[in-house]
């Protein structure tokens, strides 16, 4: 079996299944495995603009 969620791109939209798939953007956000520069809004994967990404990087 492969690694769970490591190195895989998230789906662009959550499929709203009861048991979340390994590529679910909501699950990846919760686990902290979402690629940098991305976030989830209204169950959809959204790319952050440069200002917001810098703001988050500065806060961390």
C-alpha atoms as a PDB file:
ATOM      1  CA  UNK A   1       0.000   0.000   0.000  1.00  0.00           C
ATOM      2  CA  UNK A   2       1.094   3.535  -0.679  1.00  0.00           C
ATOM      3  CA  UNK A   3       1.561   6.384   1.707  1.00  0.00           C
ATOM      4  CA  UNK A   4      -1.686   7.915   2.846  1.00  0.00           C
ATOM      5  CA  UNK A   5      -2.111  11.415   1.406  1.00  0.00           C
ATOM      6  CA  UNK A   6       1.610  12.177   1.107  1.00  0.00           C
ATOM      7  CA  UNK A   7       2.732  13.699  -2.184  1.00  0.00           C
ATOM      8  CA  UNK A   8      -0.728  13.622  -3.734  1.00  0.00           C
ATOM      9  CA  UNK A   9      -2.543  16.651  -5.023  1.00  0.00           C
ATOM     10  CA  UNK A  10      -5.879  17.435  -3.390  1.00  0.00           C
ATOM     11  CA  UNK A  11      -9.119  17.276  -5.335  1.00  0.00           C
ATOM     12  CA  UNK A  12     -10.491  20.618  -6.494  1.00  0.00           C
ATOM     13  CA  UNK A  13     -13.826  20.008  -4.765  1.00  0.00           C
ATOM     14  CA  UNK A  14     -14.884  17.896  -1.788  1.00  0.00           C
ATOM     15  CA  UNK A  15     -17.117  14.960  -2.732  1.00  0.00           C
ATOM     16  CA  UNK A  16     -18.949  15.200   0.654  1.00  0.00           C
ATOM     17  CA  UNK A  17     -18.660  11.471   1.395  1.00  0.00           C
ATOM     18  CA  UNK A  18     -19.207  10.422   4.983  1.00  0.00           C
ATOM     19  CA  UNK A  19     -15.752   8.835   5.257  1.00  0.00           C
ATOM     20  CA  UNK A  20     -13.433  11.369   3.657  1.00  0.00           C
ATOM     21  CA  UNK A  21     -11.140  10.170   0.872  1.00  0.00           C
ATOM     22  CA  UNK A  22      -7.361  10.602   1.144  1.00  0.00           C
ATOM     23  CA  UNK A  23      -7.317  13.460  -1.399  1.00  0.00           C
ATOM     24  CA  UNK A  24     -10.173  15.415   0.209  1.00  0.00           C
ATOM     25  CA  UNK A  25      -9.156  19.088   0.561  1.00  0.00           C
ATOM     26  CA  UNK A  26     -10.983  19.390   3.900  1.00  0.00           C
ATOM     27  CA  UNK A  27      -9.144  16.390   5.327  1.00  0.00           C
ATOM     28  CA  UNK A  28      -5.794  17.608   4.002  1.00  0.00           C
ATOM     29  CA  UNK A  29      -6.380  21.056   5.538  1.00  0.00           C
ATOM     30  CA  UNK A  30      -7.156  19.482   8.910  1.00  0.00           C
ATOM     31  CA  UNK A  31      -4.098  17.196   8.779  1.00  0.00           C
ATOM     32  CA  UNK A  32      -1.834  20.011   7.584  1.00  0.00           C
ATOM     33  CA  UNK A  33      -0.843  18.236   4.358  1.00  0.00           C
ATOM     34  CA  UNK A  34      -2.425  20.806   2.044  1.00  0.00           C
ATOM     35  CA  UNK A  35       0.205  22.322  -0.313  1.00  0.00           C
ATOM     36  CA  UNK A  36       1.416  25.830   0.603  1.00  0.00           C
ATOM     37  CA  UNK A  37      -0.510  28.640  -1.049  1.00  0.00           C
ATOM     38  CA  UNK A  38      -3.851  26.796  -0.960  1.00  0.00           C
ATOM     39  CA  UNK A  39      -6.861  26.868   1.344  1.00  0.00           C
ATOM     40  CA  UNK A  40     -10.423  25.528   1.362  1.00  0.00           C
ATOM     41  CA  UNK A  41     -13.511  27.722   1.109  1.00  0.00           C
ATOM     42  CA  UNK A  42     -17.039  26.355   0.767  1.00  0.00           C
ATOM     43  CA  UNK A  43     -15.683  22.807   0.218  1.00  0.00           C
ATOM     44  CA  UNK A  44     -13.596  23.965  -2.777  1.00  0.00           C
ATOM     45  CA  UNK A  45      -9.824  24.213  -3.090  1.00  0.00           C
ATOM     46  CA  UNK A  46      -8.784  27.853  -3.508  1.00  0.00           C
ATOM     47  CA  UNK A  47      -5.355  29.268  -4.341  1.00  0.00           C
ATOM     48  CA  UNK A  48      -4.366  32.145  -2.068  1.00  0.00           C
ATOM     49  CA  UNK A  49      -3.266  35.411  -3.597  1.00  0.00           C
ATOM     50  CA  UNK A  50       0.317  36.496  -2.926  1.00  0.00           C
ATOM     51  CA  UNK A  51      -0.576  39.010  -0.198  1.00  0.00           C
ATOM     52  CA  UNK A  52      -2.569  36.488   1.823  1.00  0.00           C
ATOM     53  CA  UNK A  53       0.129  33.829   1.414  1.00  0.00           C
ATOM     54  CA  UNK A  54       2.802  36.228   2.698  1.00  0.00           C
ATOM     55  CA  UNK A  55       0.583  37.186   5.634  1.00  0.00           C
ATOM     56  CA  UNK A  56       0.129  33.525   6.618  1.00  0.00           C
ATOM     57  CA  UNK A  57       3.837  32.769   6.216  1.00  0.00           C
ATOM     58  CA  UNK A  58       4.753  35.765   8.344  1.00  0.00           C
ATOM     59  CA  UNK A  59       2.327  34.724  11.116  1.00  0.00           C
ATOM     60  CA  UNK A  60       3.749  31.195  11.243  1.00  0.00           C
END
